[in-house]
Amino acid sequence: MAEQPTIGDLVKENTLSDDAVSAAVDAYMADPATTLFAFGESHELDLAVAISSNRWASDVLADSSASDGLKRSAVRTAIWLARPEKR
């Protein structure tokens, strides 16, 4: 496993659940200014930074013609690729 694993790595190894990722997507979609999101007691992630630093997600979210489903997928992908801080 990577020295600083991604959210996706942590889900694959069952350290984090996919339900937690879904909750993070919901939190971001409800309020894009969301910063600190806790994945249980083990990890946290600044959602606003994670999404804004992913070019594809940023482009999709800025596209007024993009569907809600595509926007949610872009946010999920950016979260999966992000490297959270261990608490």
PDB file of N, CA and C in Angstrom:
ATOM      1  N   MET A   1       0.833  -1.180   0.000  1.00  0.00           N
ATOM      2  CA  MET A   1       0.000   0.000   0.000  1.00  0.00           C
ATOM      3  C   MET A   1       0.880   1.247   0.000  1.00  0.00           C
ATOM      4  N   ALA A   2       0.371   2.321  -0.569  1.00  0.00           N
ATOM      5  CA  ALA A   2       1.100   3.572  -0.650  1.00  0.00           C
ATOM      6  C   ALA A   2       1.393   4.120   0.747  1.00  0.00           C
ATOM      7  N   GLU A   3       2.493   4.868   0.839  1.00  0.00           N
ATOM      8  CA  GLU A   3       2.859   5.451   2.124  1.00  0.00           C
ATOM      9  C   GLU A   3       1.769   6.397   2.625  1.00  0.00           C
ATOM     10  N   GLN A   4       1.226   7.210   1.743  1.00  0.00           N
ATOM     11  CA  GLN A   4       0.098   8.071   2.083  1.00  0.00           C
ATOM     12  C   GLN A   4      -1.053   7.639   1.171  1.00  0.00           C
ATOM     13  N   PRO A   5      -1.871   6.718   1.655  1.00  0.00           N
ATOM     14  CA  PRO A   5      -2.911   6.127   0.806  1.00  0.00           C
ATOM     15  C   PRO A   5      -4.014   7.117   0.422  1.00  0.00           C
ATOM     16  N   THR A   6      -4.641   6.837  -0.693  1.00  0.00           N
ATOM     17  CA  THR A   6      -5.802   7.617  -1.124  1.00  0.00           C
ATOM     18  C   THR A   6      -7.044   7.092  -0.399  1.00  0.00           C
ATOM     19  N   ILE A   7      -8.113   7.846  -0.504  1.00  0.00           N
ATOM     20  CA  ILE A   7      -9.394   7.374   0.039  1.00  0.00           C
ATOM     21  C   ILE A   7      -9.737   6.039  -0.619  1.00  0.00           C
ATOM     22  N   GLY A   8      -9.533   5.945  -1.930  1.00  0.00           N
ATOM     23  CA  GLY A   8      -9.810   4.697  -2.642  1.00  0.00           C
ATOM     24  C   GLY A   8      -9.016   3.523  -2.091  1.00  0.00           C
ATOM     25  N   ASP A   9      -7.732   3.744  -1.791  1.00  0.00           N
ATOM     26  CA  ASP A   9      -6.905   2.685  -1.198  1.00  0.00           C
ATOM     27  C   ASP A   9      -7.504   2.235   0.133  1.00  0.00           C
ATOM     28  N   LEU A  10      -7.927   3.203   0.936  1.00  0.00           N
ATOM     29  CA  LEU A  10      -8.466   2.895   2.263  1.00  0.00           C
ATOM     30  C   LEU A  10      -9.808   2.174   2.181  1.00  0.00           C
ATOM     31  N   VAL A  11     -10.604   2.483   1.163  1.00  0.00           N
ATOM     32  CA  VAL A  11     -11.861   1.756   0.968  1.00  0.00           C
ATOM     33  C   VAL A  11     -11.553   0.323   0.532  1.00  0.00           C
ATOM     34  N   LYS A  12     -10.613   0.169  -0.379  1.00  0.00           N
ATOM     35  CA  LYS A  12     -10.262  -1.168  -0.873  1.00  0.00           C
ATOM     36  C   LYS A  12      -9.745  -2.071   0.237  1.00  0.00           C
ATOM     37  N   GLU A  13      -9.040  -1.486   1.204  1.00  0.00           N
ATOM     38  CA  GLU A  13      -8.518  -2.304   2.306  1.00  0.00           C
ATOM     39  C   GLU A  13      -9.488  -2.367   3.485  1.00  0.00           C
ATOM     40  N   ASN A  14     -10.696  -1.840   3.297  1.00  0.00           N
ATOM     41  CA  ASN A  14     -11.760  -1.854   4.309  1.00  0.00           C
ATOM     42  C   ASN A  14     -11.451  -1.036   5.555  1.00  0.00           C
ATOM     43  N   THR A  15     -10.561  -0.057   5.426  1.00  0.00           N
ATOM     44  CA  THR A  15     -10.319   0.862   6.534  1.00  0.00           C
ATOM     45  C   THR A  15     -11.431   1.901   6.578  1.00  0.00           C
ATOM     46  N   LEU A  16     -11.879   2.318   5.399  1.00  0.00           N
ATOM     47  CA  LEU A  16     -13.012   3.232   5.264  1.00  0.00           C
ATOM     48  C   LEU A  16     -14.097   2.533   4.463  1.00  0.00           C
ATOM     49  N   SER A  17     -15.333   2.950   4.670  1.00  0.00           N
ATOM     50  CA  SER A  17     -16.433   2.336   3.931  1.00  0.00           C
ATOM     51  C   SER A  17     -16.845   3.197   2.742  1.00  0.00           C
ATOM     52  N   ASP A  18     -17.437   2.546   1.757  1.00  0.00           N
ATOM     53  CA  ASP A  18     -17.963   3.287   0.618  1.00  0.00           C
ATOM     54  C   ASP A  18     -19.136   4.161   1.061  1.00  0.00           C
ATOM     55  N   ASP A  19     -19.838   3.763   2.111  1.00  0.00           N
ATOM     56  CA  ASP A  19     -20.907   4.602   2.657  1.00  0.00           C
ATOM     57  C   ASP A  19     -20.347   5.935   3.156  1.00  0.00           C
ATOM     58  N   ALA A  20     -19.147   5.910   3.723  1.00  0.00           N
ATOM     59  CA  ALA A  20     -18.514   7.147   4.189  1.00  0.00           C
ATOM     60  C   ALA A  20     -18.179   8.049   2.998  1.00  0.00           C
ATOM     61  N   VAL A  21     -17.753   7.440   1.893  1.00  0.00           N
ATOM     62  CA  VAL A  21     -17.470   8.218   0.683  1.00  0.00           C
ATOM     63  C   VAL A  21     -18.770   8.831   0.166  1.00  0.00           C
ATOM     64  N   SER A  22     -19.835   8.065   0.159  1.00  0.00           N
ATOM     65  CA  SER A  22     -21.134   8.582  -0.280  1.00  0.00           C
ATOM     66  C   SER A  22     -21.581   9.747   0.602  1.00  0.00           C
ATOM     67  N   ALA A  23     -21.342   9.641   1.898  1.00  0.00           N
ATOM     68  CA  ALA A  23     -21.687  10.725   2.824  1.00  0.00           C
ATOM     69  C   ALA A  23     -20.851  11.970   2.517  1.00  0.00           C
ATOM     70  N   ALA A  24     -19.598  11.772   2.159  1.00  0.00           N
ATOM     71  CA  ALA A  24     -18.734  12.902   1.800  1.00  0.00           C
ATOM     72  C   ALA A  24     -19.233  13.567   0.518  1.00  0.00           C
ATOM     73  N   VAL A  25     -19.626  12.769  -0.458  1.00  0.00           N
ATOM     74  CA  VAL A  25     -20.188  13.316  -1.701  1.00  0.00           C
ATOM     75  C   VAL A  25     -21.442  14.118  -1.384  1.00  0.00           C
ATOM     76  N   ASP A  26     -22.326  13.557  -0.564  1.00  0.00           N
ATOM     77  CA  ASP A  26     -23.556  14.255  -0.178  1.00  0.00           C
ATOM     78  C   ASP A  26     -23.243  15.578   0.517  1.00  0.00           C
ATOM     79  N   ALA A  27     -22.263  15.551   1.414  1.00  0.00           N
ATOM     80  CA  ALA A  27     -21.890  16.764   2.151  1.00  0.00           C
ATOM     81  C   ALA A  27     -21.373  17.835   1.200  1.00  0.00           C
ATOM     82  N   TYR A  28     -20.530  17.438   0.261  1.00  0.00           N
ATOM     83  CA  TYR A  28     -19.988  18.411  -0.687  1.00  0.00           C
ATOM     84  C   TYR A  28     -21.084  18.949  -1.600  1.00  0.00           C
ATOM     85  N   MET A  29     -21.954  18.079  -2.092  1.00  0.00           N
ATOM     86  CA  MET A  29     -23.010  18.522  -3.002  1.00  0.00           C
ATOM     87  C   MET A  29     -23.988  19.459  -2.286  1.00  0.00           C
ATOM     88  N   ALA A  30     -24.201  19.251  -1.003  1.00  0.00           N
ATOM     89  CA  ALA A  30     -25.090  20.119  -0.228  1.00  0.00           C
ATOM     90  C   ALA A  30     -24.442  21.481   0.036  1.00  0.00           C
ATOM     91  N   ASP A  31     -23.116  21.481   0.220  1.00  0.00           N
ATOM     92  CA  ASP A  31     -22.394  22.725   0.509  1.00  0.00           C
ATOM     93  C   ASP A  31     -20.966  22.619  -0.013  1.00  0.00           C
ATOM     94  N   PRO A  32     -20.713  23.145  -1.221  1.00  0.00           N
ATOM     95  CA  PRO A  32     -19.366  23.056  -1.812  1.00  0.00           C
ATOM     96  C   PRO A  32     -18.271  23.754  -1.002  1.00  0.00           C
ATOM     97  N   ALA A  33     -18.644  24.535  -0.027  1.00  0.00           N
ATOM     98  CA  ALA A  33     -17.644  25.186   0.822  1.00  0.00           C
ATOM     99  C   ALA A  33     -17.218  24.292   1.979  1.00  0.00           C
ATOM    100  N   THR A  34     -17.750  23.067   2.034  1.00  0.00           N
ATOM    101  CA  THR A  34     -17.407  22.136   3.112  1.00  0.00           C
ATOM    102  C   THR A  34     -15.906  21.916   3.139  1.00  0.00           C
ATOM    103  N   THR A  35     -15.331  22.117   4.279  1.00  0.00           N
ATOM    104  CA  THR A  35     -13.892  21.903   4.404  1.00  0.00           C
ATOM    105  C   THR A  35     -13.637  20.563   5.067  1.00  0.00           C
ATOM    106  N   LEU A  36     -13.567  20.529   6.356  1.00  0.00           N
ATOM    107  CA  LEU A  36     -13.191  19.300   7.053  1.00  0.00           C
ATOM    108  C   LEU A  36     -14.329  18.287   7.080  1.00  0.00           C
ATOM    109  N   PHE A  37     -14.051  17.105   6.559  1.00  0.00           N
ATOM    110  CA  PHE A  37     -15.008  16.006   6.609  1.00  0.00           C
ATOM    111  C   PHE A  37     -14.322  14.841   7.298  1.00  0.00           C
ATOM    112  N   ALA A  38     -14.924  14.331   8.351  1.00  0.00           N
ATOM    113  CA  ALA A  38     -14.341  13.220   9.109  1.00  0.00           C
ATOM    114  C   ALA A  38     -14.859  11.892   8.564  1.00  0.00           C
ATOM    115  N   PHE A  39     -13.941  11.020   8.243  1.00  0.00           N
ATOM    116  CA  PHE A  39     -14.258   9.654   7.850  1.00  0.00           C
ATOM    117  C   PHE A  39     -14.088   8.805   9.112  1.00  0.00           C
ATOM    118  N   GLY A  40     -15.141   8.761   9.903  1.00  0.00           N
ATOM    119  CA  GLY A  40     -15.057   8.054  11.176  1.00  0.00           C
ATOM    120  C   GLY A  40     -14.067   8.755  12.084  1.00  0.00           C
ATOM    121  N   GLU A  41     -13.383   7.958  12.866  1.00  0.00           N
ATOM    122  CA  GLU A  41     -12.406   8.523  13.793  1.00  0.00           C
ATOM    123  C   GLU A  41     -10.980   8.384  13.294  1.00  0.00           C
ATOM    124  N   SER A  42     -10.815   7.826  12.089  1.00  0.00           N
ATOM    125  CA  SER A  42      -9.461   7.540  11.630  1.00  0.00           C
ATOM    126  C   SER A  42      -8.877   8.547  10.644  1.00  0.00           C
ATOM    127  N   HIS A  43      -9.711   9.164   9.808  1.00  0.00           N
ATOM    128  CA  HIS A  43      -9.195  10.045   8.766  1.00  0.00           C
ATOM    129  C   HIS A  43     -10.101  11.248   8.558  1.00  0.00           C
ATOM    130  N   GLU A  44      -9.527  12.316   7.984  1.00  0.00           N
ATOM    131  CA  GLU A  44     -10.294  13.505   7.644  1.00  0.00           C
ATOM    132  C   GLU A  44      -9.762  14.078   6.337  1.00  0.00           C
ATOM    133  N   LEU A  45     -10.636  14.825   5.665  1.00  0.00           N
ATOM    134  CA  LEU A  45     -10.287  15.366   4.364  1.00  0.00           C
ATOM    135  C   LEU A  45     -10.951  16.726   4.193  1.00  0.00           C
ATOM    136  N   ASP A  46     -10.204  17.669   3.648  1.00  0.00           N
ATOM    137  CA  ASP A  46     -10.768  18.966   3.282  1.00  0.00           C
ATOM    138  C   ASP A  46     -11.411  18.776   1.912  1.00  0.00           C
ATOM    139  N   LEU A  47     -12.736  18.649   1.899  1.00  0.00           N
ATOM    140  CA  LEU A  47     -13.444  18.362   0.650  1.00  0.00           C
ATOM    141  C   LEU A  47     -13.279  19.476  -0.367  1.00  0.00           C
ATOM    142  N   ALA A  48     -13.360  20.723   0.058  1.00  0.00           N
ATOM    143  CA  ALA A  48     -13.243  21.834  -0.883  1.00  0.00           C
ATOM    144  C   ALA A  48     -11.900  21.796  -1.605  1.00  0.00           C
ATOM    145  N   VAL A  49     -10.832  21.520  -0.891  1.00  0.00           N
ATOM    146  CA  VAL A  49      -9.499  21.444  -1.505  1.00  0.00           C
ATOM    147  C   VAL A  49      -9.400  20.212  -2.403  1.00  0.00           C
ATOM    148  N   ALA A  50      -9.906  19.086  -1.930  1.00  0.00           N
ATOM    149  CA  ALA A  50      -9.832  17.847  -2.717  1.00  0.00           C
ATOM    150  C   ALA A  50     -10.534  17.995  -4.059  1.00  0.00           C
ATOM    151  N   ILE A  51     -11.701  18.627  -4.055  1.00  0.00           N
ATOM    152  CA  ILE A  51     -12.458  18.777  -5.295  1.00  0.00           C
ATOM    153  C   ILE A  51     -11.826  19.834  -6.184  1.00  0.00           C
ATOM    154  N   SER A  52     -11.441  20.957  -5.614  1.00  0.00           N
ATOM    155  CA  SER A  52     -10.882  22.040  -6.435  1.00  0.00           C
ATOM    156  C   SER A  52      -9.519  21.682  -7.016  1.00  0.00           C
ATOM    157  N   SER A  53      -8.801  20.771  -6.393  1.00  0.00           N
ATOM    158  CA  SER A  53      -7.487  20.384  -6.919  1.00  0.00           C
ATOM    159  C   SER A  53      -7.569  19.271  -7.970  1.00  0.00           C
ATOM    160  N   ASN A  54      -8.772  18.774  -8.222  1.00  0.00           N
ATOM    161  CA  ASN A  54      -8.967  17.767  -9.263  1.00  0.00           C
ATOM    162  C   ASN A  54      -9.540  18.483 -10.483  1.00  0.00           C
ATOM    163  N   ARG A  55      -8.741  18.570 -11.536  1.00  0.00           N
ATOM    164  CA  ARG A  55      -9.135  19.363 -12.699  1.00  0.00           C
ATOM    165  C   ARG A  55     -10.434  18.875 -13.330  1.00  0.00           C
ATOM    166  N   TRP A  56     -10.575  17.565 -13.491  1.00  0.00           N
ATOM    167  CA  TRP A  56     -11.786  17.043 -14.120  1.00  0.00           C
ATOM    168  C   TRP A  56     -13.016  17.414 -13.301  1.00  0.00           C
ATOM    169  N   ALA A  57     -12.947  17.215 -11.998  1.00  0.00           N
ATOM    170  CA  ALA A  57     -14.088  17.555 -11.143  1.00  0.00           C
ATOM    171  C   ALA A  57     -14.394  19.045 -11.228  1.00  0.00           C
ATOM    172  N   SER A  58     -13.375  19.863 -11.195  1.00  0.00           N
ATOM    173  CA  SER A  58     -13.587  21.309 -11.289  1.00  0.00           C
ATOM    174  C   SER A  58     -14.250  21.687 -12.603  1.00  0.00           C
ATOM    175  N   ASP A  59     -13.782  21.093 -13.696  1.00  0.00           N
ATOM    176  CA  ASP A  59     -14.369  21.383 -15.013  1.00  0.00           C
ATOM    177  C   ASP A  59     -15.829  20.942 -15.082  1.00  0.00           C
ATOM    178  N   VAL A  60     -16.118  19.752 -14.591  1.00  0.00           N
ATOM    179  CA  VAL A  60     -17.495  19.244 -14.629  1.00  0.00           C
ATOM    180  C   VAL A  60     -18.409  20.115 -13.781  1.00  0.00           C
ATOM    181  N   LEU A  61     -17.966  20.471 -12.587  1.00  0.00           N
ATOM    182  CA  LEU A  61     -18.798  21.288 -11.706  1.00  0.00           C
ATOM    183  C   LEU A  61     -19.043  22.689 -12.271  1.00  0.00           C
ATOM    184  N   ALA A  62     -18.116  23.191 -13.072  1.00  0.00           N
ATOM    185  CA  ALA A  62     -18.274  24.514 -13.676  1.00  0.00           C
ATOM    186  C   ALA A  62     -19.151  24.485 -14.927  1.00  0.00           C
ATOM    187  N   ASP A  63     -19.412  23.305 -15.447  1.00  0.00           N
ATOM    188  CA  ASP A  63     -20.199  23.149 -16.675  1.00  0.00           C
ATOM    189  C   ASP A  63     -21.689  23.145 -16.350  1.00  0.00           C
ATOM    190  N   SER A  64     -22.377  24.209 -16.725  1.00  0.00           N
ATOM    191  CA  SER A  64     -23.804  24.316 -16.397  1.00  0.00           C
ATOM    192  C   SER A  64     -24.655  23.265 -17.117  1.00  0.00           C
ATOM    193  N   SER A  65     -24.120  22.660 -18.167  1.00  0.00           N
ATOM    194  CA  SER A  65     -24.892  21.640 -18.883  1.00  0.00           C
ATOM    195  C   SER A  65     -24.657  20.228 -18.343  1.00  0.00           C
ATOM    196  N   ALA A  66     -23.728  20.078 -17.399  1.00  0.00           N
ATOM    197  CA  ALA A  66     -23.441  18.761 -16.823  1.00  0.00           C
ATOM    198  C   ALA A  66     -24.599  18.326 -15.936  1.00  0.00           C
ATOM    199  N   SER A  67     -24.953  17.057 -16.035  1.00  0.00           N
ATOM    200  CA  SER A  67     -26.045  16.523 -15.221  1.00  0.00           C
ATOM    201  C   SER A  67     -25.615  16.387 -13.759  1.00  0.00           C
ATOM    202  N   ASP A  68     -26.602  16.300 -12.883  1.00  0.00           N
ATOM    203  CA  ASP A  68     -26.314  16.103 -11.463  1.00  0.00           C
ATOM    204  C   ASP A  68     -25.558  14.787 -11.256  1.00  0.00           C
ATOM    205  N   GLY A  69     -25.938  13.767 -11.997  1.00  0.00           N
ATOM    206  CA  GLY A  69     -25.254  12.479 -11.881  1.00  0.00           C
ATOM    207  C   GLY A  69     -23.785  12.568 -12.262  1.00  0.00           C
ATOM    208  N   LEU A  70     -23.480  13.303 -13.336  1.00  0.00           N
ATOM    209  CA  LEU A  70     -22.084  13.478 -13.747  1.00  0.00           C
ATOM    210  C   LEU A  70     -21.323  14.276 -12.699  1.00  0.00           C
ATOM    211  N   LYS A  71     -21.951  15.301 -12.163  1.00  0.00           N
ATOM    212  CA  LYS A  71     -21.294  16.103 -11.124  1.00  0.00           C
ATOM    213  C   LYS A  71     -20.998  15.252  -9.889  1.00  0.00           C
ATOM    214  N   ARG A  72     -21.948  14.434  -9.483  1.00  0.00           N
ATOM    215  CA  ARG A  72     -21.734  13.553  -8.323  1.00  0.00           C
ATOM    216  C   ARG A  72     -20.599  12.566  -8.601  1.00  0.00           C
ATOM    217  N   SER A  73     -20.555  12.034  -9.812  1.00  0.00           N
ATOM    218  CA  SER A  73     -19.482  11.094 -10.186  1.00  0.00           C
ATOM    219  C   SER A  73     -18.121  11.776 -10.156  1.00  0.00           C
ATOM    220  N   ALA A  74     -18.067  13.007 -10.631  1.00  0.00           N
ATOM    221  CA  ALA A  74     -16.806  13.750 -10.623  1.00  0.00           C
ATOM    222  C   ALA A  74     -16.345  14.012  -9.188  1.00  0.00           C
ATOM    223  N   VAL A  75     -17.274  14.384  -8.322  1.00  0.00           N
ATOM    224  CA  VAL A  75     -16.938  14.626  -6.916  1.00  0.00           C
ATOM    225  C   VAL A  75     -16.473  13.330  -6.262  1.00  0.00           C
ATOM    226  N   ARG A  76     -17.171  12.221  -6.516  1.00  0.00           N
ATOM    227  CA  ARG A  76     -16.773  10.919  -5.956  1.00  0.00           C
ATOM    228  C   ARG A  76     -15.361  10.543  -6.415  1.00  0.00           C
ATOM    229  N   THR A  77     -15.086  10.738  -7.686  1.00  0.00           N
ATOM    230  CA  THR A  77     -13.755  10.406  -8.217  1.00  0.00           C
ATOM    231  C   THR A  77     -12.686  11.240  -7.541  1.00  0.00           C
ATOM    232  N   ALA A  78     -12.935  12.537  -7.401  1.00  0.00           N
ATOM    233  CA  ALA A  78     -11.945  13.408  -6.751  1.00  0.00           C
ATOM    234  C   ALA A  78     -11.707  12.979  -5.308  1.00  0.00           C
ATOM    235  N   ILE A  79     -12.764  12.592  -4.622  1.00  0.00           N
ATOM    236  CA  ILE A  79     -12.611  12.127  -3.238  1.00  0.00           C
ATOM    237  C   ILE A  79     -11.825  10.825  -3.199  1.00  0.00           C
ATOM    238  N   TRP A  80     -12.140   9.891  -4.084  1.00  0.00           N
ATOM    239  CA  TRP A  80     -11.415   8.605  -4.125  1.00  0.00           C
ATOM    240  C   TRP A  80      -9.916   8.814  -4.355  1.00  0.00           C
ATOM    241  N   LEU A  81      -9.558   9.828  -5.138  1.00  0.00           N
ATOM    242  CA  LEU A  81      -8.153  10.066  -5.472  1.00  0.00           C
ATOM    243  C   LEU A  81      -7.418  10.912  -4.441  1.00  0.00           C
ATOM    244  N   ALA A  82      -8.170  11.532  -3.543  1.00  0.00           N
ATOM    245  CA  ALA A  82      -7.567  12.409  -2.528  1.00  0.00           C
ATOM    246  C   ALA A  82      -6.848  11.610  -1.442  1.00  0.00           C
ATOM    247  N   ARG A  83      -5.874  12.246  -0.848  1.00  0.00           N
ATOM    248  CA  ARG A  83      -5.104  11.621   0.242  1.00  0.00           C
ATOM    249  C   ARG A  83      -5.491  12.297   1.566  1.00  0.00           C
ATOM    250  N   PRO A  84      -6.241  11.584   2.396  1.00  0.00           N
ATOM    251  CA  PRO A  84      -6.711  12.188   3.644  1.00  0.00           C
ATOM    252  C   PRO A  84      -5.613  12.253   4.708  1.00  0.00           C
ATOM    253  N   GLU A  85      -5.881  13.053   5.712  1.00  0.00           N
ATOM    254  CA  GLU A  85      -5.006  13.133   6.875  1.00  0.00           C
ATOM    255  C   GLU A  85      -5.473  12.094   7.894  1.00  0.00           C
ATOM    256  N   LYS A  86      -4.519  11.447   8.524  1.00  0.00           N
ATOM    257  CA  LYS A  86      -4.858  10.508   9.594  1.00  0.00           C
ATOM    258  C   LYS A  86      -5.107  11.320  10.859  1.00  0.00           C
ATOM    259  N   ARG A  87      -6.158  10.950  11.576  1.00  0.00           N
ATOM    260  CA  ARG A  87      -6.515  11.677  12.816  1.00  0.00           C
ATOM    261  C   ARG A  87      -5.777  11.118  14.003  1.00  0.00           C
TER     262      ARG A  87
END
